[in-house]
Amino acid sequence: MQETLLAVHLKRHTWRPSDPLGPWLRTIARNKLIDHLRRRGRRVEVLVEDFAELLAAPEERPSTEADDVERHLALLPDKQRSVIRF
């Protein structure tokens, strides 16, 4: 709050009396809030141990391209599959 009030004081010469005061003040306050959030950062640190049971277990055998092709071929009707395999 103090930084916002100081910014208003330092930038008071930029306000035009013909313009509404509210939007000018809100812009300064918004910019000061954004500056504060950037300084604080957005890092959230969470221990992996707390979520270990939710993490996916590694596959026993990694999928290969041949497995993927076979899986997709199995979805095709017989005639289409036979054209591809001929």
Protein backbone atom coordinates (compact mmCIF):
# COMPACT_ATOMS: atom_id res chain seq x y z
CA MET A 1 0.00 0.00 0.00
CA GLN A 2 2.82 2.34 0.88
CA GLU A 3 4.51 1.79 -2.50
CA THR A 4 1.23 2.48 -4.26
CA LEU A 5 0.69 5.73 -2.39
CA LEU A 6 4.26 6.78 -3.08
CA ALA A 7 3.81 6.00 -6.80
CA VAL A 8 0.61 8.08 -6.86
CA HIS A 9 2.48 10.96 -5.24
CA LEU A 10 5.42 10.70 -7.64
CA LYS A 11 3.19 10.37 -10.73
CA ARG A 12 0.56 12.94 -9.77
CA HIS A 13 1.78 15.25 -12.53
CA THR A 14 0.66 12.67 -15.14
CA TRP A 15 -3.01 12.86 -14.15
CA ARG A 16 -5.12 15.12 -16.34
CA PRO A 17 -7.88 16.86 -14.38
CA SER A 18 -10.23 16.41 -17.34
CA ASP A 19 -9.94 12.59 -16.98
CA PRO A 20 -11.60 10.52 -14.25
CA LEU A 21 -9.39 9.93 -11.21
CA GLY A 22 -10.51 6.32 -10.49
CA PRO A 23 -9.11 4.58 -13.56
CA TRP A 24 -5.81 6.45 -13.19
CA LEU A 25 -5.49 5.34 -9.55
CA ARG A 26 -6.51 1.75 -10.35
CA THR A 27 -3.89 1.55 -13.11
CA ILE A 28 -1.13 2.62 -10.73
CA ALA A 29 -2.36 0.18 -8.04
CA ARG A 30 -2.61 -2.66 -10.58
CA ASN A 31 0.91 -2.04 -11.85
CA LYS A 32 2.28 -2.00 -8.30
CA LEU A 33 0.50 -5.30 -7.56
CA ILE A 34 1.97 -6.86 -10.71
CA ASP A 35 5.44 -5.64 -9.69
CA HIS A 36 4.97 -7.19 -6.24
CA LEU A 37 3.84 -10.54 -7.65
CA ARG A 38 6.78 -10.64 -10.07
CA ARG A 39 9.25 -9.97 -7.27
CA ARG A 40 7.67 -12.66 -5.13
CA GLY A 41 7.77 -15.17 -7.97
CA ARG A 42 5.38 -17.94 -8.86
CA ARG A 43 7.39 -20.89 -7.71
CA VAL A 44 5.49 -23.47 -5.79
CA GLU A 45 7.60 -26.12 -4.16
CA VAL A 46 5.96 -29.43 -3.36
CA LEU A 47 7.72 -32.47 -2.01
CA VAL A 48 7.50 -35.41 -4.41
CA GLU A 49 7.21 -37.79 -1.47
CA ASP A 50 3.81 -36.29 -0.66
CA PHE A 51 2.46 -37.34 -4.06
CA ALA A 52 4.52 -40.43 -4.85
CA GLU A 53 1.47 -42.71 -4.77
CA LEU A 54 -0.29 -40.52 -7.36
CA LEU A 55 2.58 -40.52 -9.84
CA ALA A 56 2.38 -43.00 -12.67
CA ALA A 57 4.53 -46.06 -12.28
CA PRO A 58 7.11 -46.62 -15.02
CA GLU A 59 6.06 -49.01 -17.77
CA GLU A 60 7.55 -52.45 -17.53
CA ARG A 61 8.45 -52.31 -21.20
CA PRO A 62 8.43 -49.09 -23.17
CA SER A 63 6.08 -49.04 -26.13
CA THR A 64 7.71 -49.37 -29.51
CA GLU A 65 6.62 -48.05 -32.86
CA ALA A 66 5.82 -51.59 -33.99
CA ASP A 67 3.48 -52.01 -31.02
CA ASP A 68 1.75 -48.77 -31.92
CA VAL A 69 1.34 -49.83 -35.55
CA GLU A 70 -0.10 -53.21 -34.52
CA ARG A 71 -2.50 -51.58 -32.11
CA HIS A 72 -3.79 -49.20 -34.78
CA LEU A 73 -3.99 -51.92 -37.42
CA ALA A 74 -6.15 -53.98 -35.08
CA LEU A 75 -8.70 -51.17 -35.14
CA LEU A 76 -9.12 -51.34 -38.92
CA PRO A 77 -11.63 -53.56 -40.71
CA ASP A 78 -10.16 -56.79 -42.19
CA LYS A 79 -10.13 -55.58 -45.81
CA GLN A 80 -8.30 -52.35 -44.99
CA ARG A 81 -5.84 -54.19 -42.76
CA SER A 82 -5.07 -56.73 -45.52
CA VAL A 83 -4.29 -53.93 -48.03
CA ILE A 84 -1.73 -52.46 -45.66
CA ARG A 85 -0.14 -55.80 -44.74
CA PHE A 86 -0.15 -57.49 -48.20
